[in-house]
Amino acid sequence: MQGAWVVSHNDSFIDEVTEEVRRDRLFALMKRYGWIAIVLVLVLVGGAAWNEWRKAQARATAESFGDRILAALAEPESDMRAMALQEIGAPNPSAQALLDLLAASDLAQSDPQAAASRLLDVADRQGTDRIYRQIATLRAVTLPGSGLDLETRRNRLDGLALSTGLTRLLAEEQLAMIDLETGETQAALDRLMQISGDAEISAGLRRRVTQVIVALGAEPPAAPLLAQPSATPDE
């Protein structure tokens, strides 16, 4: 029994010594490399704080930009609105495009040619979101009194017609109007028929296209049906 006690006591002593050695090594490592952990914590905390500050700054900038736009649009006269919009600083290219679209909308009443020129400048501007450029193009070519010749309008619309989504169909609609303007009635009718049967057409566009087709003495095609799930055979 005494021998067993000695062995057990020795094992316990060895375990204690081993644990003490491990603790000493851990403290030594912490003294030597602990600053790295502190730096990592500071970096993580600092990065999170910087990210939150940046988000807050972006939010404040966007809110200020929106408030200034609303204040400018509240001006009673178009000249005053245009001047107020001109004085607003845009925080990014997309915001500048939005300002130009709004300014061109007011300018269209007094000087449609200048408005069309401004819109085409947005349409050709690199670094601007494609949707703003497409909207600017459509607005410019459909603006009464824009001074744009037929070939320019057609070329601009041809580019949009190669895009996707509703913008493509709106461009096709305007191209059909140009066909009617130049006396190409059948070409216009064919284009309108194609638009009317497109699965991506909106309700408003379908209504407009249908009215023109009927006015031309033709029968509009039936609305495209959505694909129906196949029926499960009865067991």
C-alpha atoms as a PDB file:
ATOM      1  CA  MET A   1       0.000   0.000   0.000  1.00  0.00           C
ATOM      2  CA  GLN A   2       2.843   2.354   0.870  1.00  0.00           C
ATOM      3  CA  GLY A   3       4.429   1.680  -2.534  1.00  0.00           C
ATOM      4  CA  ALA A   4       1.168   2.489  -4.303  1.00  0.00           C
ATOM      5  CA  TRP A   5       0.857   5.689  -2.314  1.00  0.00           C
ATOM      6  CA  VAL A   6       4.387   6.701  -3.284  1.00  0.00           C
ATOM      7  CA  VAL A   7       3.703   6.050  -6.959  1.00  0.00           C
ATOM      8  CA  SER A   8       0.423   8.002  -6.820  1.00  0.00           C
ATOM      9  CA  HIS A   9       2.141  10.842  -4.963  1.00  0.00           C
ATOM     10  CA  ASN A  10       4.938  10.957  -7.552  1.00  0.00           C
ATOM     11  CA  ASP A  11       2.422  11.021 -10.424  1.00  0.00           C
ATOM     12  CA  SER A  12       0.559  13.894  -8.790  1.00  0.00           C
ATOM     13  CA  PHE A  13       3.823  15.742  -8.215  1.00  0.00           C
ATOM     14  CA  ILE A  14       4.849  15.226 -11.846  1.00  0.00           C
ATOM     15  CA  ASP A  15       1.456  16.488 -13.036  1.00  0.00           C
ATOM     16  CA  GLU A  16       1.791  19.601 -10.892  1.00  0.00           C
ATOM     17  CA  VAL A  17       5.297  20.273 -12.186  1.00  0.00           C
ATOM     18  CA  THR A  18       4.163  19.729 -15.780  1.00  0.00           C
ATOM     19  CA  GLU A  19       1.227  22.092 -15.284  1.00  0.00           C
ATOM     20  CA  GLU A  20       3.519  24.688 -13.718  1.00  0.00           C
ATOM     21  CA  VAL A  21       5.924  24.408 -16.650  1.00  0.00           C
ATOM     22  CA  ARG A  22       3.048  24.856 -19.091  1.00  0.00           C
ATOM     23  CA  ARG A  23       1.810  27.890 -17.175  1.00  0.00           C
ATOM     24  CA  ASP A  24       5.277  29.415 -17.167  1.00  0.00           C
ATOM     25  CA  ARG A  25       5.581  28.837 -20.921  1.00  0.00           C
ATOM     26  CA  LEU A  26       2.158  30.362 -21.510  1.00  0.00           C
ATOM     27  CA  PHE A  27       3.049  33.456 -19.505  1.00  0.00           C
ATOM     28  CA  ALA A  28       6.327  33.701 -21.370  1.00  0.00           C
ATOM     29  CA  LEU A  29       4.541  33.469 -24.699  1.00  0.00           C
ATOM     30  CA  MET A  30       2.002  36.076 -23.615  1.00  0.00           C
ATOM     31  CA  LYS A  31       4.801  38.421 -22.554  1.00  0.00           C
ATOM     32  CA  ARG A  32       6.547  37.872 -25.845  1.00  0.00           C
ATOM     33  CA  TYR A  33       3.627  37.808 -28.277  1.00  0.00           C
ATOM     34  CA  GLY A  34       0.701  39.161 -26.289  1.00  0.00           C
ATOM     35  CA  TRP A  35       1.029  42.570 -27.936  1.00  0.00           C
ATOM     36  CA  ILE A  36       0.006  40.945 -31.235  1.00  0.00           C
ATOM     37  CA  ALA A  37      -3.333  39.926 -29.753  1.00  0.00           C
ATOM     38  CA  ILE A  38      -3.789  43.446 -28.368  1.00  0.00           C
ATOM     39  CA  VAL A  39      -3.036  44.952 -31.760  1.00  0.00           C
ATOM     40  CA  LEU A  40      -5.476  42.565 -33.450  1.00  0.00           C
ATOM     41  CA  VAL A  41      -8.206  43.532 -30.997  1.00  0.00           C
ATOM     42  CA  LEU A  42      -7.502  47.214 -31.549  1.00  0.00           C
ATOM     43  CA  VAL A  43      -7.556  46.737 -35.326  1.00  0.00           C
ATOM     44  CA  LEU A  44     -10.863  44.863 -35.203  1.00  0.00           C
ATOM     45  CA  VAL A  45     -12.476  47.413 -32.904  1.00  0.00           C
ATOM     46  CA  GLY A  46     -11.034  50.313 -34.865  1.00  0.00           C
ATOM     47  CA  GLY A  47     -12.124  48.784 -38.185  1.00  0.00           C
ATOM     48  CA  ALA A  48     -15.663  48.268 -36.924  1.00  0.00           C
ATOM     49  CA  ALA A  49     -15.792  51.848 -35.624  1.00  0.00           C
ATOM     50  CA  TRP A  50     -14.427  53.198 -38.929  1.00  0.00           C
ATOM     51  CA  ASN A  51     -16.954  51.167 -40.904  1.00  0.00           C
ATOM     52  CA  GLU A  52     -19.835  52.472 -38.787  1.00  0.00           C
ATOM     53  CA  TRP A  53     -18.539  56.048 -39.093  1.00  0.00           C
ATOM     54  CA  ARG A  54     -18.257  55.685 -42.863  1.00  0.00           C
ATOM     55  CA  LYS A  55     -21.804  54.322 -43.077  1.00  0.00           C
ATOM     56  CA  ALA A  56     -23.078  57.194 -40.954  1.00  0.00           C
ATOM     57  CA  GLN A  57     -21.257  59.700 -43.171  1.00  0.00           C
ATOM     58  CA  ALA A  58     -22.688  58.129 -46.344  1.00  0.00           C
ATOM     59  CA  ARG A  59     -26.180  58.147 -44.833  1.00  0.00           C
ATOM     60  CA  ALA A  60     -25.853  61.797 -43.802  1.00  0.00           C
ATOM     61  CA  THR A  61     -24.561  62.745 -47.268  1.00  0.00           C
ATOM     62  CA  ALA A  62     -27.441  60.953 -49.001  1.00  0.00           C
ATOM     63  CA  GLU A  63     -30.012  62.560 -46.699  1.00  0.00           C
ATOM     64  CA  SER A  64     -28.533  66.018 -47.246  1.00  0.00           C
ATOM     65  CA  PHE A  65     -28.472  65.465 -51.015  1.00  0.00           C
ATOM     66  CA  GLY A  66     -32.107  64.366 -51.022  1.00  0.00           C
ATOM     67  CA  ASP A  67     -33.190  67.295 -48.850  1.00  0.00           C
ATOM     68  CA  ARG A  68     -31.499  69.783 -51.187  1.00  0.00           C
ATOM     69  CA  ILE A  69     -33.172  68.212 -54.223  1.00  0.00           C
ATOM     70  CA  LEU A  70     -36.588  68.424 -52.562  1.00  0.00           C
ATOM     71  CA  ALA A  71     -35.944  72.039 -51.615  1.00  0.00           C
ATOM     72  CA  ALA A  72     -34.889  72.862 -55.192  1.00  0.00           C
ATOM     73  CA  LEU A  73     -37.951  71.183 -56.690  1.00  0.00           C
ATOM     74  CA  ALA A  74     -40.168  73.164 -54.319  1.00  0.00           C
ATOM     75  CA  GLU A  75     -39.184  76.424 -56.040  1.00  0.00           C
ATOM     76  CA  PRO A  76     -42.231  77.907 -57.837  1.00  0.00           C
ATOM     77  CA  GLU A  77     -40.501  78.916 -61.091  1.00  0.00           C
ATOM     78  CA  SER A  78     -38.691  76.577 -63.481  1.00  0.00           C
ATOM     79  CA  ASP A  79     -35.718  78.960 -63.778  1.00  0.00           C
ATOM     80  CA  MET A  80     -35.375  79.044 -60.008  1.00  0.00           C
ATOM     81  CA  ARG A  81     -35.613  75.254 -59.826  1.00  0.00           C
ATOM     82  CA  ALA A  82     -32.941  74.848 -62.506  1.00  0.00           C
ATOM     83  CA  MET A  83     -30.647  77.303 -60.709  1.00  0.00           C
ATOM     84  CA  ALA A  84     -31.160  75.571 -57.358  1.00  0.00           C
ATOM     85  CA  LEU A  85     -30.441  72.180 -58.885  1.00  0.00           C
ATOM     86  CA  GLN A  86     -27.325  73.568 -60.549  1.00  0.00           C
ATOM     87  CA  GLU A  87     -25.961  74.654 -57.171  1.00  0.00           C
ATOM     88  CA  ILE A  88     -26.255  71.201 -55.617  1.00  0.00           C
ATOM     89  CA  GLY A  89     -23.013  69.260 -55.422  1.00  0.00           C
ATOM     90  CA  ALA A  90     -23.393  65.611 -56.436  1.00  0.00           C
ATOM     91  CA  PRO A  91     -21.563  63.067 -54.245  1.00  0.00           C
ATOM     92  CA  ASN A  92     -21.116  60.545 -57.091  1.00  0.00           C
ATOM     93  CA  PRO A  93     -21.686  60.114 -60.869  1.00  0.00           C
ATOM     94  CA  SER A  94     -25.128  58.539 -60.426  1.00  0.00           C
ATOM     95  CA  ALA A  95     -26.257  61.429 -58.244  1.00  0.00           C
ATOM     96  CA  GLN A  96     -24.964  63.865 -60.884  1.00  0.00           C
ATOM     97  CA  ALA A  97     -26.926  62.001 -63.555  1.00  0.00           C
ATOM     98  CA  LEU A  98     -30.077  62.314 -61.453  1.00  0.00           C
ATOM     99  CA  LEU A  99     -29.501  66.051 -61.078  1.00  0.00           C
ATOM    100  CA  ASP A 100     -29.026  66.435 -64.825  1.00  0.00           C
ATOM    101  CA  LEU A 101     -32.203  64.483 -65.571  1.00  0.00           C
ATOM    102  CA  LEU A 102     -34.210  66.687 -63.208  1.00  0.00           C
ATOM    103  CA  ALA A 103     -32.659  69.868 -64.582  1.00  0.00           C
ATOM    104  CA  ALA A 104     -33.326  68.779 -68.163  1.00  0.00           C
ATOM    105  CA  SER A 105     -36.955  68.114 -67.291  1.00  0.00           C
ATOM    106  CA  ASP A 106     -37.425  71.753 -66.256  1.00  0.00           C
ATOM    107  CA  LEU A 107     -35.288  73.058 -69.095  1.00  0.00           C
ATOM    108  CA  ALA A 108     -37.409  71.164 -71.640  1.00  0.00           C
ATOM    109  CA  GLN A 109     -40.242  73.640 -71.215  1.00  0.00           C
ATOM    110  CA  SER A 110     -38.230  76.727 -72.114  1.00  0.00           C
ATOM    111  CA  ASP A 111     -35.358  75.353 -74.224  1.00  0.00           C
ATOM    112  CA  PRO A 112     -35.965  71.774 -75.465  1.00  0.00           C
ATOM    113  CA  GLN A 113     -32.828  71.751 -77.609  1.00  0.00           C
ATOM    114  CA  ALA A 114     -30.637  72.590 -74.619  1.00  0.00           C
ATOM    115  CA  ALA A 115     -32.505  69.963 -72.598  1.00  0.00           C
ATOM    116  CA  ALA A 116     -31.896  67.317 -75.279  1.00  0.00           C
ATOM    117  CA  SER A 117     -28.217  68.239 -75.398  1.00  0.00           C
ATOM    118  CA  ARG A 118     -27.934  67.847 -71.652  1.00  0.00           C
ATOM    119  CA  LEU A 119     -29.727  64.509 -71.754  1.00  0.00           C
ATOM    120  CA  LEU A 120     -27.439  63.170 -74.460  1.00  0.00           C
ATOM    121  CA  ASP A 121     -24.470  64.296 -72.402  1.00  0.00           C
ATOM    122  CA  VAL A 122     -25.743  62.044 -69.605  1.00  0.00           C
ATOM    123  CA  ALA A 123     -26.354  59.225 -72.103  1.00  0.00           C
ATOM    124  CA  ASP A 124     -22.745  59.400 -73.319  1.00  0.00           C
ATOM    125  CA  ARG A 125     -21.118  59.912 -69.946  1.00  0.00           C
ATOM    126  CA  GLN A 126     -18.801  57.125 -68.836  1.00  0.00           C
ATOM    127  CA  GLY A 127     -18.989  55.947 -65.243  1.00  0.00           C
ATOM    128  CA  THR A 128     -22.739  56.557 -64.998  1.00  0.00           C
ATOM    129  CA  ASP A 129     -25.117  53.694 -64.278  1.00  0.00           C
ATOM    130  CA  ARG A 130     -26.585  52.240 -67.448  1.00  0.00           C
ATOM    131  CA  ILE A 131     -30.185  52.789 -66.343  1.00  0.00           C
ATOM    132  CA  TYR A 132     -29.645  56.573 -66.120  1.00  0.00           C
ATOM    133  CA  ARG A 133     -28.024  56.606 -69.541  1.00  0.00           C
ATOM    134  CA  GLN A 134     -30.920  54.652 -71.034  1.00  0.00           C
ATOM    135  CA  ILE A 135     -33.513  56.945 -69.462  1.00  0.00           C
ATOM    136  CA  ALA A 136     -31.634  60.002 -70.727  1.00  0.00           C
ATOM    137  CA  THR A 137     -31.523  58.584 -74.261  1.00  0.00           C
ATOM    138  CA  LEU A 138     -35.238  57.761 -74.336  1.00  0.00           C
ATOM    139  CA  ARG A 139     -36.153  61.174 -72.959  1.00  0.00           C
ATOM    140  CA  ALA A 140     -33.926  63.008 -75.441  1.00  0.00           C
ATOM    141  CA  VAL A 141     -35.226  61.270 -78.572  1.00  0.00           C
ATOM    142  CA  THR A 142     -38.883  61.695 -77.531  1.00  0.00           C
ATOM    143  CA  LEU A 143     -38.599  65.330 -76.479  1.00  0.00           C
ATOM    144  CA  PRO A 144     -40.693  67.599 -78.738  1.00  0.00           C
ATOM    145  CA  GLY A 145     -38.599  70.350 -80.264  1.00  0.00           C
ATOM    146  CA  SER A 146     -35.325  68.615 -79.411  1.00  0.00           C
ATOM    147  CA  GLY A 147     -33.851  69.482 -82.804  1.00  0.00           C
ATOM    148  CA  LEU A 148     -32.492  65.946 -83.183  1.00  0.00           C
ATOM    149  CA  ASP A 149     -32.620  64.737 -86.774  1.00  0.00           C
ATOM    150  CA  LEU A 150     -34.308  61.517 -87.755  1.00  0.00           C
ATOM    151  CA  GLU A 151     -31.078  59.573 -88.274  1.00  0.00           C
ATOM    152  CA  THR A 152     -29.719  60.537 -84.853  1.00  0.00           C
ATOM    153  CA  ARG A 153     -32.930  59.499 -83.146  1.00  0.00           C
ATOM    154  CA  ARG A 154     -33.029  56.188 -84.997  1.00  0.00           C
ATOM    155  CA  ASN A 155     -29.376  55.393 -84.260  1.00  0.00           C
ATOM    156  CA  ARG A 156     -29.822  56.142 -80.575  1.00  0.00           C
ATOM    157  CA  LEU A 157     -32.916  53.964 -80.361  1.00  0.00           C
ATOM    158  CA  ASP A 158     -31.287  51.116 -82.292  1.00  0.00           C
ATOM    159  CA  GLY A 159     -28.673  50.903 -79.553  1.00  0.00           C
ATOM    160  CA  LEU A 160     -31.335  50.692 -76.845  1.00  0.00           C
ATOM    161  CA  ALA A 161     -33.301  48.103 -78.794  1.00  0.00           C
ATOM    162  CA  LEU A 162     -30.322  45.754 -78.438  1.00  0.00           C
ATOM    163  CA  SER A 163     -30.509  45.939 -74.632  1.00  0.00           C
ATOM    164  CA  THR A 164     -32.708  43.834 -72.381  1.00  0.00           C
ATOM    165  CA  GLY A 165     -35.902  44.304 -70.397  1.00  0.00           C
ATOM    166  CA  LEU A 166     -38.500  47.044 -70.708  1.00  0.00           C
ATOM    167  CA  THR A 167     -36.005  49.581 -72.082  1.00  0.00           C
ATOM    168  CA  ARG A 168     -35.661  47.445 -75.204  1.00  0.00           C
ATOM    169  CA  LEU A 169     -39.423  47.443 -75.770  1.00  0.00           C
ATOM    170  CA  LEU A 170     -39.750  51.183 -75.174  1.00  0.00           C
ATOM    171  CA  ALA A 171     -37.047  51.768 -77.766  1.00  0.00           C
ATOM    172  CA  GLU A 172     -38.860  49.484 -80.203  1.00  0.00           C
ATOM    173  CA  GLU A 173     -42.057  51.468 -79.623  1.00  0.00           C
ATOM    174  CA  GLN A 174     -40.305  54.726 -80.505  1.00  0.00           C
ATOM    175  CA  LEU A 175     -38.745  53.144 -83.570  1.00  0.00           C
ATOM    176  CA  ALA A 176     -42.256  52.183 -84.686  1.00  0.00           C
ATOM    177  CA  MET A 177     -43.301  55.809 -84.243  1.00  0.00           C
ATOM    178  CA  ILE A 178     -40.392  56.863 -86.461  1.00  0.00           C
ATOM    179  CA  ASP A 179     -41.522  54.316 -89.062  1.00  0.00           C
ATOM    180  CA  LEU A 180     -44.965  55.912 -89.028  1.00  0.00           C
ATOM    181  CA  GLU A 181     -43.390  59.360 -89.236  1.00  0.00           C
ATOM    182  CA  THR A 182     -41.516  58.371 -92.382  1.00  0.00           C
ATOM    183  CA  GLY A 183     -44.530  56.665 -93.964  1.00  0.00           C
ATOM    184  CA  GLU A 184     -43.325  53.093 -93.414  1.00  0.00           C
ATOM    185  CA  THR A 185     -46.679  51.905 -92.109  1.00  0.00           C
ATOM    186  CA  GLN A 186     -46.138  48.182 -92.632  1.00  0.00           C
ATOM    187  CA  ALA A 187     -42.742  48.274 -90.940  1.00  0.00           C
ATOM    188  CA  ALA A 188     -44.304  50.105 -87.997  1.00  0.00           C
ATOM    189  CA  LEU A 189     -47.156  47.607 -87.807  1.00  0.00           C
ATOM    190  CA  ASP A 190     -44.779  44.633 -87.881  1.00  0.00           C
ATOM    191  CA  ARG A 191     -42.723  46.147 -85.095  1.00  0.00           C
ATOM    192  CA  LEU A 192     -45.803  46.906 -82.984  1.00  0.00           C
ATOM    193  CA  MET A 193     -47.094  43.365 -83.463  1.00  0.00           C
ATOM    194  CA  GLN A 194     -43.769  42.009 -82.263  1.00  0.00           C
ATOM    195  CA  ILE A 195     -43.817  44.263 -79.209  1.00  0.00           C
ATOM    196  CA  SER A 196     -47.392  43.290 -78.357  1.00  0.00           C
ATOM    197  CA  GLY A 197     -46.515  39.599 -78.374  1.00  0.00           C
ATOM    198  CA  ASP A 198     -43.409  39.982 -76.236  1.00  0.00           C
ATOM    199  CA  ALA A 199     -43.582  38.206 -72.892  1.00  0.00           C
ATOM    200  CA  GLU A 200     -41.811  41.086 -71.101  1.00  0.00           C
ATOM    201  CA  ILE A 201     -44.264  43.795 -72.161  1.00  0.00           C
ATOM    202  CA  SER A 202     -45.872  45.861 -69.396  1.00  0.00           C
ATOM    203  CA  ALA A 203     -49.611  46.492 -69.157  1.00  0.00           C
ATOM    204  CA  GLY A 204     -49.238  50.182 -69.999  1.00  0.00           C
ATOM    205  CA  LEU A 205     -47.081  49.548 -73.028  1.00  0.00           C
ATOM    206  CA  ARG A 206     -49.404  46.812 -74.261  1.00  0.00           C
ATOM    207  CA  ARG A 207     -52.327  49.225 -74.015  1.00  0.00           C
ATOM    208  CA  ARG A 208     -50.541  51.910 -76.032  1.00  0.00           C
ATOM    209  CA  VAL A 209     -49.325  49.490 -78.681  1.00  0.00           C
ATOM    210  CA  THR A 210     -52.775  47.913 -79.013  1.00  0.00           C
ATOM    211  CA  GLN A 211     -54.372  51.312 -79.557  1.00  0.00           C
ATOM    212  CA  VAL A 212     -51.955  52.128 -82.379  1.00  0.00           C
ATOM    213  CA  ILE A 213     -52.425  48.699 -83.991  1.00  0.00           C
ATOM    214  CA  VAL A 214     -56.207  49.127 -83.948  1.00  0.00           C
ATOM    215  CA  ALA A 215     -55.858  52.668 -85.305  1.00  0.00           C
ATOM    216  CA  LEU A 216     -53.882  51.208 -88.213  1.00  0.00           C
ATOM    217  CA  GLY A 217     -56.772  48.869 -88.968  1.00  0.00           C
ATOM    218  CA  ALA A 218     -55.151  45.646 -87.795  1.00  0.00           C
ATOM    219  CA  GLU A 219     -56.062  43.060 -85.193  1.00  0.00           C
ATOM    220  CA  PRO A 220     -53.648  42.964 -82.230  1.00  0.00           C
ATOM    221  CA  PRO A 221     -52.264  39.551 -81.330  1.00  0.00           C
ATOM    222  CA  ALA A 222     -53.496  37.748 -78.253  1.00  0.00           C
ATOM    223  CA  ALA A 223     -51.574  38.352 -75.064  1.00  0.00           C
ATOM    224  CA  PRO A 224     -48.847  35.734 -74.523  1.00  0.00           C
ATOM    225  CA  LEU A 225     -49.923  33.115 -72.013  1.00  0.00           C
ATOM    226  CA  LEU A 226     -47.796  32.256 -69.036  1.00  0.00           C
ATOM    227  CA  ALA A 227     -46.519  28.715 -68.977  1.00  0.00           C
ATOM    228  CA  GLN A 228     -48.884  26.509 -67.013  1.00  0.00           C
ATOM    229  CA  PRO A 229     -47.635  23.589 -64.902  1.00  0.00           C
ATOM    230  CA  SER A 230     -48.378  20.221 -66.428  1.00  0.00           C
ATOM    231  CA  ALA A 231     -51.342  18.465 -64.894  1.00  0.00           C
ATOM    232  CA  THR A 232     -50.709  15.396 -62.824  1.00  0.00           C
ATOM    233  CA  PRO A 233     -52.427  12.372 -64.389  1.00  0.00           C
ATOM    234  CA  ASP A 234     -55.198  10.872 -62.348  1.00  0.00           C
ATOM    235  CA  GLU A 235     -54.278   7.685 -60.623  1.00  0.00           C
END
